[in-house]
Structure formats: structure tokens, C-alpha cells
Amino acid sequence: MMRSPRSEALAGAVIARLRGAGHQAFLVGGCVRDLLLGLAPGDFDVATDARPDRIMDLFPRTSRVGARFGEVLVRDFFSQVEVNTFRSDADYSDGRGPDAVHFERDPRGDALRRDFTINGLMMDPDTGAVLDYVDGRADLERRVIRAVGDVDARFDEDPVRLLRAVRFAARLRFEIEPATLAGIQRHHGLIHKMAAERIRDLLARILTEGGARRGFVLLEETGLLADILPEVAAMKGVPQPPEDHPEGDVWTHTLLLLEQLEHPTLTLALGALLHDVGKPPTLRMDGRIRFDGHAEVGVEMAHAILHRLRFSRDVMEQVEALVGNHLRFLEAGHMKDSTLKRFLRLPEFPEHLELHRLDCLSGNRHLENYELLRRKLGAFPEERLKPEPLLTGADLIAAGYKPGPQFSRILTAVEDAQLRGSIRTAGEAMEMVREKFTVDSLQ
């Protein structure tokens, strides 16, 4: 993650002003954790004993997005910093947020209401001194994720913490300490209380921040995977032909793809996760293992999953394309030039190519088609992959053809010939059309 110097500078200025006005103020949470681990924080949060109204008096550019819970956004022209009033929380009756908060003067109470010990640290940015009321520094050194205080209470309060524990363990390569892990396993069903958008955002982070394989192993181990993505959980134990997949079942194959992801795009990561999601329901064993139509079934399943999790239309379309086209690479050596060029001009084709490479490396490791298409992609300039059309529908009407469904067939035939290089001009294209499609036969 890139460090945000502007956010860091703004946080320092906010703390200085709060202290100048007689308040306590510290860096808090994830930024302190990352600084102590030698990582680059993506953003910087501040904790203070100043109440929300006081914060807003001191800083004219603010937003009360979470002022009821003591959360105020302070902005400048380039960045923003979340400023939290020290607080302790009352009951979480809906499992989504506290019913009420009690503002505190003592930072200790604020630390004790946080999710995990490694996120409960505060730091003086001027001296580097750390306030640690939850033994968070020791857990950083032990490289463990541990719930603050009562494990069951922490997960009952906010089920998002179930997924956050997995995300931090995956991203930081930490272990989840046994009592916290057992708590997740006891309470994994609470995840159904979470809004789909929150699940989506945390899954996206697990897939793209590094450690995706570790994250999905933990999701399966805790029971969360079957709650959130039962279609992916169904991959476990589904056999594959050993000659093509010596690595083992569909789940093992998918984990191997995830293991190779290094901060990928979200669509590539989702494509890697879901490319074989159609295999479990299409498994057929009649002397050999078959998955007839699994790519087509996989597209429908991917659509349902991504829609359920409220992914954007653009993400859905690209992931469905990745799933639907991943088997076409097997035909690369036998494709006609026109078919090959149409394949290469799929939107974001380099993602298709990279998914195929990961797929091969996670199976029989045969990269011949990958290398072939990589060379072809480099050899064809854009104008040869998608040349300007030689004819349009208007040209066909001018030549006496009646508009209708046959226009698509005619223009596709013209484009095929153009991609093959057998015609190069509009005149040659019209001559070909007149030879193959008479006006009378299309009336």
C-alpha cells in the first residue's frame, strides 16, 4: 500500500492544533500498527478527548458522517483524516453498531472497545511514544491477531470483525490466536447480519492486498466461506483428471491460482477465484472425469454471486468474460485468423492471458498456448486487430439490400475476410458481398 504523505501531514497538523487547544490527541489504530511494522499506512486516524462539536469548531472543513459515534472527517484541499473522540460503546443490539456511545476523557477506555489488540495502539507523532493498554505491541511481535477482551462479545458486537480478522491475518501473514479463531468458528453464522456491500469490500481486500490463498484457507477453516460463497466451498473434494490436474481437486487448484496473485486487479482476482466455479455442478464420471459446459454454467454462477455481493456492472461484465472465455485458450493453435483476432481484441485481453497463465501454472504447467497468444498479441498492431470497417449498413442499403437480421451475417462475413487479409478495400468487400449474398435471396 502506498503511504499518503498528505494524509500524514494533515494528521500531524490536526494533532498539533488539538493539543494547542488543550486537548489530548494521538495517532490511532491501523496507521500505528503499520508504522510499528515498518509498513506504509494508507491513511492516518486521530483519537482525541475533544468532543465532535469542539472538533468542528476548531476545523472549518469537516463532515459529521459519524459524529453520533464521535467520528468527524477533517479535510484540507488534498486529503482527509478521521478524528475520533475517545469513547466506550454500549450494547450492539443489531450487530451493526453500538446503540449508544459514552465519550471518555481517558484514552484507555477507547483502546478497550477496539476490535483487535494490534489495532488498539496510540502514538504520539512528535516523540514516537506508544500508548498500549491492550498488549498490542507484544502481539505485533508475536505476529498474532487477538480480540480485545472478551472474544464472544467482540464478535457479537460487530460481525464485520469476523472478516477483518481474516483480512489482517492474510495481509500481514499473522496467525489468528487460538481463542480468537475458536470465537470466529463459533460465531461465523453472524456474518449473515452483515450488509452485502461490507462483505464485498472485505472480500475484495482479501483478494487484492496479498495473501489471498491464506485468506481463503482461513475463510474455509472458520466456516465463513460456506456462509458467504457456498459455490466456492463446494469445490472442495471435487476430483479432476490427474493428467490435466496433478495438483488435485478443484479447491486445491483454485488455491494455487490465488497463491500466485500479487496485488492483482480486482477483476483478475475474482476471475481466478471463480473461473472453475461451474465444475462442481457439472461433474460427470463415466469412466473418466468430465465437466461438460462448466464455463457456460460458471458464467451464470459468477453473475449470481457478483450480483448478490453488489459488485458493479463493469466488474461483473469483465469477470463473467474471464470465466466464459478461459477454455478458449485450448483452441488457440487451431483458430482461424479471423477468430484469433477477435479473441485477442476482447476487452482487457491481457487479463485473460494472465488468467490462462495462472491456470496453467496451477495445473499441468503447459504454457504453449500462452506463449503463442502472447507472441500474436505483440505481433498485431491495433489497426490489424480491429480495423476500420470496409462496409456499413448504409453501404448495403445503398447497394439495394433490405435492412434486417441478415445485415449482421453479411457484415460479419466481410469482417472475417478483412481479418484474414483476403479483402482490403471497400470495392473488394462489395464484390464479395454480391457474390455470396444476392439482393433477391435476402428480400
Protein backbone atom coordinates (compact mmCIF):
# COMPACT_ATOMS: atom_id res chain seq x y z
CA MET A 1 0.00 0.00 0.00
CA MET A 2 1.27 3.48 -0.85
CA ARG A 3 1.93 5.77 2.10
CA SER A 4 -0.06 9.01 1.96
CA PRO A 5 2.26 11.89 2.89
CA ARG A 6 -0.54 14.42 2.57
CA SER A 7 -2.78 12.46 4.94
CA GLU A 8 0.14 12.06 7.35
CA ALA A 9 0.89 15.81 7.24
CA LEU A 10 -2.77 16.66 7.82
CA ALA A 11 -2.95 14.24 10.78
CA GLY A 12 0.10 15.91 12.31
CA ALA A 13 -1.44 19.35 11.85
CA VAL A 14 -4.74 18.19 13.37
CA ILE A 15 -2.98 16.77 16.42
CA ALA A 16 -0.91 19.93 16.87
CA ARG A 17 -4.00 22.14 16.76
CA LEU A 18 -5.98 19.93 19.14
CA ARG A 19 -3.10 19.93 21.61
CA GLY A 20 -2.68 23.66 21.24
CA ALA A 21 -6.33 24.00 22.26
CA GLY A 22 -5.72 21.97 25.41
CA HIS A 23 -6.82 18.50 24.26
CA GLN A 24 -5.17 15.10 24.20
CA ALA A 25 -4.62 13.77 20.67
CA PHE A 26 -2.78 10.78 19.21
CA LEU A 27 -2.45 8.75 16.05
CA VAL A 28 -4.54 5.62 16.49
CA GLY A 29 -5.38 2.23 15.01
CA GLY A 30 -4.14 0.82 11.73
CA CYS A 31 -1.67 3.59 10.97
CA VAL A 32 0.13 2.98 14.28
CA ARG A 33 0.14 -0.78 13.64
CA ASP A 34 1.62 -0.31 10.18
CA LEU A 35 4.23 2.22 11.32
CA LEU A 36 5.44 -0.17 14.03
CA LEU A 37 5.61 -2.99 11.46
CA GLY A 38 7.61 -0.82 9.06
CA LEU A 39 4.73 -0.71 6.56
CA ALA A 40 3.31 2.30 4.73
CA PRO A 41 -0.07 3.34 6.17
CA GLY A 42 -2.69 4.10 3.58
CA ASP A 43 -4.38 6.64 5.83
CA PHE A 44 -3.97 8.21 9.24
CA ASP A 45 -6.59 8.39 12.01
CA VAL A 46 -6.57 10.56 15.13
CA ALA A 47 -8.06 9.93 18.58
CA THR A 48 -8.76 12.78 20.98
CA ASP A 49 -10.70 13.74 24.10
CA ALA A 50 -12.25 16.67 22.20
CA ARG A 51 -15.97 16.21 21.57
CA PRO A 52 -17.29 16.25 17.98
CA ASP A 53 -18.73 19.77 18.26
CA ARG A 54 -15.40 21.05 19.57
CA ILE A 55 -13.55 19.37 16.70
CA MET A 56 -15.86 21.05 14.22
CA ASP A 57 -15.33 24.42 15.89
CA LEU A 58 -11.57 24.04 15.54
CA PHE A 59 -11.61 22.84 11.93
CA PRO A 60 -13.87 24.60 9.41
CA ARG A 61 -13.60 21.90 6.71
CA THR A 62 -15.30 18.96 8.42
CA SER A 63 -18.03 16.39 7.84
CA ARG A 64 -20.29 14.88 10.50
CA VAL A 65 -20.58 11.49 8.78
CA GLY A 66 -20.13 9.66 12.09
CA ALA A 67 -20.47 12.45 14.62
CA ARG A 68 -23.08 10.47 16.63
CA PHE A 69 -20.34 7.95 17.32
CA GLY A 70 -17.65 10.57 17.82
CA GLU A 71 -16.29 10.38 14.26
CA VAL A 72 -15.57 13.55 12.29
CA LEU A 73 -13.75 13.89 8.95
CA VAL A 74 -11.34 16.80 8.80
CA ARG A 75 -10.35 17.84 5.27
CA ASP A 76 -7.90 20.08 3.52
CA PHE A 77 -7.63 20.61 -0.23
CA PHE A 78 -5.72 17.35 -0.80
CA SER A 79 -6.69 14.75 1.81
CA GLN A 80 -8.83 13.91 4.82
CA VAL A 81 -8.29 12.47 8.30
CA GLU A 82 -10.82 10.73 10.52
CA VAL A 83 -10.82 12.20 14.03
CA ASN A 84 -12.41 10.04 16.74
CA THR A 85 -13.44 11.20 20.18
CA PHE A 86 -12.33 8.77 22.91
CA ARG A 87 -15.35 6.61 23.62
CA SER A 88 -16.66 3.40 25.11
CA ASP A 89 -19.58 1.61 23.48
CA ALA A 90 -22.93 0.46 24.86
CA ASP A 91 -24.66 -2.70 23.57
CA TYR A 92 -24.76 -3.59 19.85
CA SER A 93 -28.34 -4.89 19.69
CA ASP A 94 -28.43 -5.08 15.88
CA GLY A 95 -24.89 -6.43 15.44
CA ARG A 96 -24.02 -3.48 13.19
CA GLY A 97 -23.10 -0.64 15.52
CA PRO A 98 -23.36 0.49 19.14
CA ASP A 99 -26.78 1.51 20.43
CA ALA A 100 -25.07 4.43 22.15
CA VAL A 101 -21.59 5.68 22.94
CA HIS A 102 -20.09 7.24 26.03
CA PHE A 103 -17.42 9.83 25.39
CA GLU A 104 -14.33 9.42 27.53
CA ARG A 105 -11.53 11.60 28.81
CA ASP A 106 -9.18 8.64 29.27
CA PRO A 107 -7.67 7.02 26.13
CA ARG A 108 -7.64 3.65 27.91
CA GLY A 109 -11.42 3.27 27.59
CA ASP A 110 -11.16 3.97 23.87
CA ALA A 111 -8.49 1.31 23.39
CA LEU A 112 -10.53 -1.32 25.23
CA ARG A 113 -13.51 -1.00 22.84
CA ARG A 114 -11.42 -1.73 19.69
CA ASP A 115 -11.54 -4.98 17.74
CA PHE A 116 -8.02 -6.45 17.90
CA THR A 117 -5.08 -5.66 20.11
CA ILE A 118 -2.85 -4.68 17.19
CA ASN A 119 -5.42 -2.02 16.28
CA GLY A 120 -5.71 -0.67 19.83
CA LEU A 121 -2.42 1.23 19.91
CA MET A 122 -1.96 5.01 20.01
CA MET A 123 1.15 7.01 19.17
CA ASP A 124 2.49 10.48 19.85
CA PRO A 125 3.72 11.55 16.37
CA ASP A 126 6.21 14.02 17.90
CA THR A 127 8.06 11.56 20.14
CA GLY A 128 7.07 8.16 18.75
CA ALA A 129 5.89 7.12 22.23
CA VAL A 130 3.20 4.44 22.12
CA LEU A 131 0.22 4.09 24.46
CA ASP A 132 -0.57 0.39 24.81
CA TYR A 133 -3.43 -0.64 27.11
CA VAL A 134 -4.17 -3.97 25.38
CA ASP A 135 -0.77 -5.65 24.98
CA GLY A 136 -0.86 -4.84 21.28
CA ARG A 137 2.91 -4.36 20.87
CA ALA A 138 3.58 -7.84 22.20
CA ASP A 139 1.03 -9.28 19.75
CA LEU A 140 2.75 -7.42 16.91
CA GLU A 141 6.00 -9.08 17.93
CA ARG A 142 4.26 -12.46 18.26
CA ARG A 143 2.57 -11.80 14.89
CA VAL A 144 -0.88 -12.77 16.09
CA ILE A 145 -4.42 -11.43 15.69
CA ARG A 146 -6.10 -11.37 19.12
CA ALA A 147 -9.52 -9.96 20.01
CA VAL A 148 -9.53 -7.26 22.68
CA GLY A 149 -11.07 -8.55 25.91
CA ASP A 150 -13.99 -10.97 25.68
CA VAL A 151 -13.84 -12.77 22.34
CA ASP A 152 -17.54 -13.62 22.14
CA ALA A 153 -18.55 -10.07 22.99
CA ARG A 154 -16.30 -8.59 20.32
CA PHE A 155 -17.85 -10.67 17.54
CA ASP A 156 -21.39 -10.30 18.88
CA GLU A 157 -20.93 -6.52 18.82
CA ASP A 158 -19.97 -6.31 15.16
CA PRO A 159 -19.81 -9.32 12.82
CA VAL A 160 -17.60 -7.38 10.40
CA ARG A 161 -14.79 -8.30 12.79
CA LEU A 162 -15.08 -11.93 11.68
CA LEU A 163 -13.87 -10.96 8.21
CA ARG A 164 -11.47 -8.29 9.45
CA ALA A 165 -9.59 -10.93 11.45
CA VAL A 166 -9.14 -13.00 8.29
CA ARG A 167 -8.14 -9.96 6.25
CA PHE A 168 -5.44 -8.88 8.73
CA ALA A 169 -4.10 -12.41 9.11
CA ALA A 170 -3.86 -12.76 5.32
CA ARG A 171 -2.41 -9.33 4.59
CA LEU A 172 0.11 -9.32 7.46
CA ARG A 173 0.91 -13.06 7.37
CA PHE A 174 -0.11 -13.28 11.05
CA GLU A 175 -1.71 -16.19 12.87
CA ILE A 176 -5.13 -15.86 14.50
CA GLU A 177 -4.53 -16.81 18.12
CA PRO A 178 -6.46 -19.95 19.21
CA ALA A 179 -9.16 -18.34 21.39
CA THR A 180 -9.95 -15.74 18.73
CA LEU A 181 -10.00 -18.39 15.98
CA ALA A 182 -12.34 -20.55 18.07
CA GLY A 183 -14.58 -17.50 18.57
CA ILE A 184 -14.83 -16.97 14.81
CA GLN A 185 -15.68 -20.64 14.35
CA ARG A 186 -18.42 -20.38 16.99
CA HIS A 187 -19.90 -17.18 15.62
CA HIS A 188 -19.33 -17.43 11.84
CA GLY A 189 -23.09 -17.52 11.23
CA LEU A 190 -23.34 -13.92 12.42
CA ILE A 191 -21.89 -12.93 9.05
CA HIS A 192 -25.44 -13.14 7.66
CA LYS A 193 -26.23 -9.96 9.60
CA MET A 194 -23.69 -8.03 7.53
CA ALA A 195 -24.73 -5.93 4.57
CA ALA A 196 -23.61 -7.40 1.25
CA GLU A 197 -21.60 -4.28 0.46
CA ARG A 198 -19.46 -4.69 3.60
CA ILE A 199 -18.79 -8.35 2.78
CA ARG A 200 -17.94 -7.37 -0.81
CA ASP A 201 -15.44 -4.73 0.27
CA LEU A 202 -13.62 -7.04 2.69
CA LEU A 203 -13.53 -9.92 0.21
CA ALA A 204 -12.05 -7.53 -2.36
CA ARG A 205 -9.32 -6.59 0.10
CA ILE A 206 -8.55 -10.20 0.95
CA LEU A 207 -8.22 -10.96 -2.75
CA THR A 208 -6.08 -7.98 -3.73
CA GLU A 209 -3.89 -6.98 -0.76
CA GLY A 210 -1.59 -10.02 -0.94
CA GLY A 211 -2.04 -13.34 0.84
CA ALA A 212 -5.25 -14.29 -1.00
CA ARG A 213 -4.60 -18.01 -0.62
CA ARG A 214 -4.02 -17.64 3.12
CA GLY A 215 -7.22 -15.63 3.38
CA PHE A 216 -9.35 -18.23 1.64
CA VAL A 217 -7.83 -21.09 3.62
CA LEU A 218 -8.87 -19.22 6.77
CA LEU A 219 -12.33 -18.49 5.38
CA GLU A 220 -12.80 -22.22 4.80
CA GLU A 221 -11.29 -23.19 8.16
CA THR A 222 -13.56 -20.81 10.09
CA GLY A 223 -16.79 -21.73 8.31
CA LEU A 224 -17.14 -18.27 6.78
CA LEU A 225 -16.59 -19.47 3.22
CA ALA A 226 -19.68 -21.69 3.24
CA ASP A 227 -21.70 -18.77 4.61
CA ILE A 228 -20.52 -16.19 2.07
CA LEU A 229 -19.53 -18.22 -1.00
CA PRO A 230 -21.10 -21.68 -0.79
CA GLU A 231 -20.43 -22.14 -4.52
CA VAL A 232 -16.68 -21.83 -3.86
CA ALA A 233 -16.84 -24.01 -0.75
CA ALA A 234 -18.41 -26.72 -2.96
CA MET A 235 -15.10 -27.00 -4.88
CA LYS A 236 -13.51 -28.92 -2.03
CA GLY A 237 -13.25 -32.63 -2.78
CA VAL A 238 -14.35 -32.33 -6.43
CA PRO A 239 -11.87 -34.51 -8.37
CA GLN A 240 -10.15 -33.55 -11.63
CA PRO A 241 -8.47 -35.63 -14.34
CA PRO A 242 -4.96 -36.31 -12.98
CA GLU A 243 -3.34 -35.98 -16.41
CA ASP A 244 -4.51 -32.36 -16.61
CA HIS A 245 -4.57 -31.55 -12.91
CA PRO A 246 -1.91 -33.46 -10.99
CA GLU A 247 -2.30 -30.95 -8.17
CA GLY A 248 -5.60 -32.46 -7.01
CA ASP A 249 -9.19 -31.31 -6.61
CA VAL A 250 -10.82 -28.08 -7.82
CA TRP A 251 -10.33 -26.38 -4.44
CA THR A 252 -6.60 -27.11 -4.41
CA HIS A 253 -6.31 -25.86 -7.98
CA THR A 254 -8.12 -22.62 -7.12
CA LEU A 255 -5.94 -22.03 -4.06
CA LEU A 256 -2.84 -22.42 -6.24
CA LEU A 257 -4.13 -19.66 -8.52
CA LEU A 258 -4.82 -17.39 -5.54
CA GLU A 259 -1.34 -18.07 -4.21
CA GLN A 260 0.21 -16.58 -7.34
CA LEU A 261 -1.71 -13.30 -7.17
CA GLU A 262 0.49 -10.35 -6.25
CA HIS A 263 -1.69 -7.27 -5.69
CA PRO A 264 -3.80 -8.02 -8.80
CA THR A 265 -6.68 -6.07 -10.24
CA LEU A 266 -9.96 -6.95 -8.58
CA THR A 267 -11.36 -8.46 -11.78
CA LEU A 268 -8.35 -10.74 -12.31
CA ALA A 269 -8.53 -11.89 -8.69
CA LEU A 270 -12.25 -12.65 -8.96
CA GLY A 271 -11.63 -14.41 -12.28
CA ALA A 272 -9.00 -16.61 -10.61
CA LEU A 273 -11.41 -17.40 -7.78
CA LEU A 274 -14.44 -18.13 -9.95
CA HIS A 275 -13.05 -19.47 -13.25
CA ASP A 276 -13.90 -23.08 -12.28
CA VAL A 277 -16.95 -22.35 -10.14
CA GLY A 278 -19.05 -24.25 -12.68
CA LYS A 279 -17.17 -27.52 -12.17
CA PRO A 280 -18.91 -28.89 -9.05
CA PRO A 281 -22.45 -28.81 -10.54
CA THR A 282 -21.29 -30.19 -13.92
CA LEU A 283 -19.14 -33.07 -12.62
CA ARG A 284 -19.82 -36.30 -14.52
CA MET A 285 -17.91 -39.54 -14.05
CA ASP A 286 -18.43 -42.24 -16.67
CA GLY A 287 -15.07 -43.94 -16.72
CA ARG A 288 -13.41 -40.54 -16.86
CA ILE A 289 -13.95 -37.21 -15.14
CA ARG A 290 -15.86 -34.63 -17.19
CA PHE A 291 -17.20 -31.12 -16.64
CA ASP A 292 -19.41 -30.62 -19.68
CA GLY A 293 -20.30 -26.95 -20.21
CA HIS A 294 -18.66 -25.82 -16.99
CA ALA A 295 -17.53 -22.49 -18.46
CA GLU A 296 -21.06 -21.57 -19.54
CA VAL A 297 -22.52 -22.69 -16.21
CA GLY A 298 -19.72 -20.82 -14.46
CA VAL A 299 -20.71 -17.56 -16.17
CA GLU A 300 -24.26 -17.87 -14.81
CA MET A 301 -22.98 -18.71 -11.34
CA ALA A 302 -20.44 -15.88 -11.36
CA HIS A 303 -23.19 -13.45 -12.34
CA ALA A 304 -25.39 -14.63 -9.45
CA ILE A 305 -22.52 -14.39 -6.94
CA LEU A 306 -21.35 -10.95 -8.01
CA HIS A 307 -24.90 -9.63 -8.13
CA ARG A 308 -25.57 -10.99 -4.64
CA LEU A 309 -22.49 -9.17 -3.33
CA ARG A 310 -23.41 -5.92 -5.11
CA PHE A 311 -20.38 -5.67 -7.36
CA SER A 312 -20.53 -3.02 -10.07
CA ARG A 313 -21.75 -3.79 -13.57
CA ASP A 314 -18.28 -3.20 -15.04
CA VAL A 315 -16.70 -5.68 -12.62
CA MET A 316 -19.42 -8.24 -13.30
CA GLU A 317 -19.05 -8.00 -17.08
CA GLN A 318 -15.28 -8.45 -17.04
CA VAL A 319 -15.31 -11.34 -14.55
CA GLU A 320 -18.04 -13.11 -16.50
CA ALA A 321 -15.93 -12.67 -19.66
CA LEU A 322 -12.89 -14.14 -17.90
CA VAL A 323 -14.88 -17.14 -16.70
CA GLY A 324 -16.65 -17.66 -20.02
CA ASN A 325 -13.52 -17.48 -22.18
CA HIS A 326 -10.93 -19.30 -20.07
CA LEU A 327 -11.28 -22.59 -22.01
CA ARG A 328 -10.91 -20.94 -25.42
CA PHE A 329 -7.14 -20.85 -24.98
CA LEU A 330 -7.13 -24.61 -25.56
CA GLU A 331 -8.24 -23.92 -29.17
CA ALA A 332 -5.64 -21.22 -29.86
CA GLY A 333 -3.45 -23.33 -32.14
CA HIS A 334 -6.40 -24.23 -34.36
CA MET A 335 -8.17 -20.87 -34.60
CA LYS A 336 -8.73 -19.22 -37.98
CA ASP A 337 -7.04 -15.85 -38.30
CA SER A 338 -10.36 -14.02 -38.04
CA THR A 339 -11.36 -15.96 -34.90
CA LEU A 340 -7.94 -15.43 -33.35
CA LYS A 341 -8.00 -11.69 -33.94
CA ARG A 342 -11.48 -11.39 -32.49
CA PHE A 343 -10.28 -13.32 -29.44
CA LEU A 344 -7.25 -11.08 -28.99
CA ARG A 345 -9.37 -7.94 -29.08
CA LEU A 346 -11.55 -8.94 -26.14
CA PRO A 347 -11.71 -6.02 -23.69
CA GLU A 348 -8.77 -6.19 -21.25
CA PHE A 349 -7.33 -9.19 -23.09
CA PRO A 350 -4.07 -9.11 -21.05
CA GLU A 351 -6.18 -10.13 -18.04
CA HIS A 352 -7.50 -13.13 -19.97
CA LEU A 353 -3.93 -14.03 -20.91
CA GLU A 354 -2.71 -13.70 -17.32
CA LEU A 355 -5.58 -15.83 -16.00
CA HIS A 356 -4.64 -18.52 -18.51
CA ARG A 357 -1.01 -18.40 -17.39
CA LEU A 358 -2.03 -18.78 -13.74
CA ASP A 359 -4.43 -21.58 -14.69
CA CYS A 360 -1.66 -23.48 -16.48
CA LEU A 361 0.89 -22.99 -13.72
CA SER A 362 -1.65 -24.32 -11.23
CA GLY A 363 -2.26 -27.46 -13.28
CA ASN A 364 -0.25 -29.31 -15.90
CA ARG A 365 2.05 -26.30 -16.48
CA HIS A 366 1.66 -26.46 -20.27
CA LEU A 367 2.25 -22.89 -21.43
CA GLU A 368 2.40 -23.43 -25.20
CA ASN A 369 -0.89 -21.64 -25.91
CA TYR A 370 0.01 -18.84 -23.55
CA GLU A 371 3.29 -18.25 -25.35
CA LEU A 372 1.61 -18.47 -28.76
CA LEU A 373 -1.03 -15.87 -27.92
CA ARG A 374 1.46 -13.63 -26.16
CA ARG A 375 3.52 -13.55 -29.37
CA LYS A 376 0.44 -12.98 -31.52
CA LEU A 377 -0.74 -10.14 -29.30
CA GLY A 378 2.63 -8.45 -29.65
CA ALA A 379 2.74 -9.02 -33.39
CA PHE A 380 -0.64 -7.48 -34.29
CA PRO A 381 -0.98 -3.72 -34.06
CA GLU A 382 -4.37 -2.35 -33.00
CA GLU A 383 -5.36 -1.49 -36.56
CA ARG A 384 -4.93 -5.12 -37.64
CA LEU A 385 -6.90 -6.49 -34.69
CA LYS A 386 -9.76 -4.03 -35.09
CA PRO A 387 -9.53 -2.35 -38.49
CA GLU A 388 -11.94 0.29 -39.70
CA PRO A 389 -14.97 -1.47 -41.30
CA LEU A 390 -14.84 -1.66 -45.07
CA LEU A 391 -18.66 -1.61 -45.32
CA THR A 392 -21.50 -0.36 -43.17
CA GLY A 393 -25.24 -0.98 -43.11
CA ALA A 394 -25.70 2.26 -45.02
CA ASP A 395 -23.48 0.93 -47.80
CA LEU A 396 -25.58 -2.22 -48.03
CA ILE A 397 -28.83 -0.20 -48.25
CA ALA A 398 -27.30 1.95 -51.00
CA ALA A 399 -26.46 -1.26 -52.88
CA GLY A 400 -30.10 -2.36 -52.73
CA TYR A 401 -30.09 -4.69 -49.72
CA LYS A 402 -33.09 -4.52 -47.38
CA PRO A 403 -32.28 -3.90 -43.70
CA GLY A 404 -32.85 -6.91 -41.47
CA PRO A 405 -31.18 -9.66 -39.42
CA GLN A 406 -29.11 -10.70 -42.46
CA PHE A 407 -27.08 -7.46 -42.22
CA SER A 408 -25.20 -8.82 -39.21
CA ARG A 409 -24.36 -12.01 -41.12
CA ILE A 410 -23.15 -10.05 -44.15
CA LEU A 411 -21.02 -7.60 -42.16
CA THR A 412 -19.52 -10.43 -40.08
CA ALA A 413 -18.54 -12.26 -43.30
CA VAL A 414 -16.94 -9.06 -44.61
CA GLU A 415 -15.01 -8.54 -41.39
CA ASP A 416 -13.84 -12.19 -41.40
CA ALA A 417 -12.43 -11.75 -44.89
CA GLN A 418 -10.85 -8.43 -43.90
CA LEU A 419 -9.18 -10.00 -40.82
CA ARG A 420 -7.90 -12.87 -42.97
CA GLY A 421 -6.42 -10.32 -45.36
CA SER A 422 -8.32 -11.65 -48.39
CA ILE A 423 -10.01 -8.28 -48.99
CA ARG A 424 -8.52 -4.83 -48.39
CA THR A 425 -10.81 -2.25 -49.97
CA ALA A 426 -14.48 -1.29 -49.92
CA GLY A 427 -14.75 -2.28 -53.57
CA GLU A 428 -13.40 -5.76 -52.91
CA ALA A 429 -15.76 -6.05 -49.95
CA MET A 430 -18.82 -5.14 -52.02
CA GLU A 431 -17.76 -7.53 -54.77
CA MET A 432 -17.55 -10.34 -52.23
CA VAL A 433 -20.98 -9.46 -50.84
CA ARG A 434 -22.58 -9.54 -54.31
CA GLU A 435 -21.02 -12.93 -55.00
CA LYS A 436 -22.20 -14.51 -51.73
CA PHE A 437 -25.44 -12.64 -50.96
CA THR A 438 -27.76 -11.77 -53.81
CA VAL A 439 -30.30 -9.00 -53.24
CA ASP A 440 -33.21 -11.20 -54.27
CA SER A 441 -32.32 -14.03 -51.90
CA LEU A 442 -32.47 -11.66 -48.92
CA GLN A 443 -35.79 -9.98 -49.71
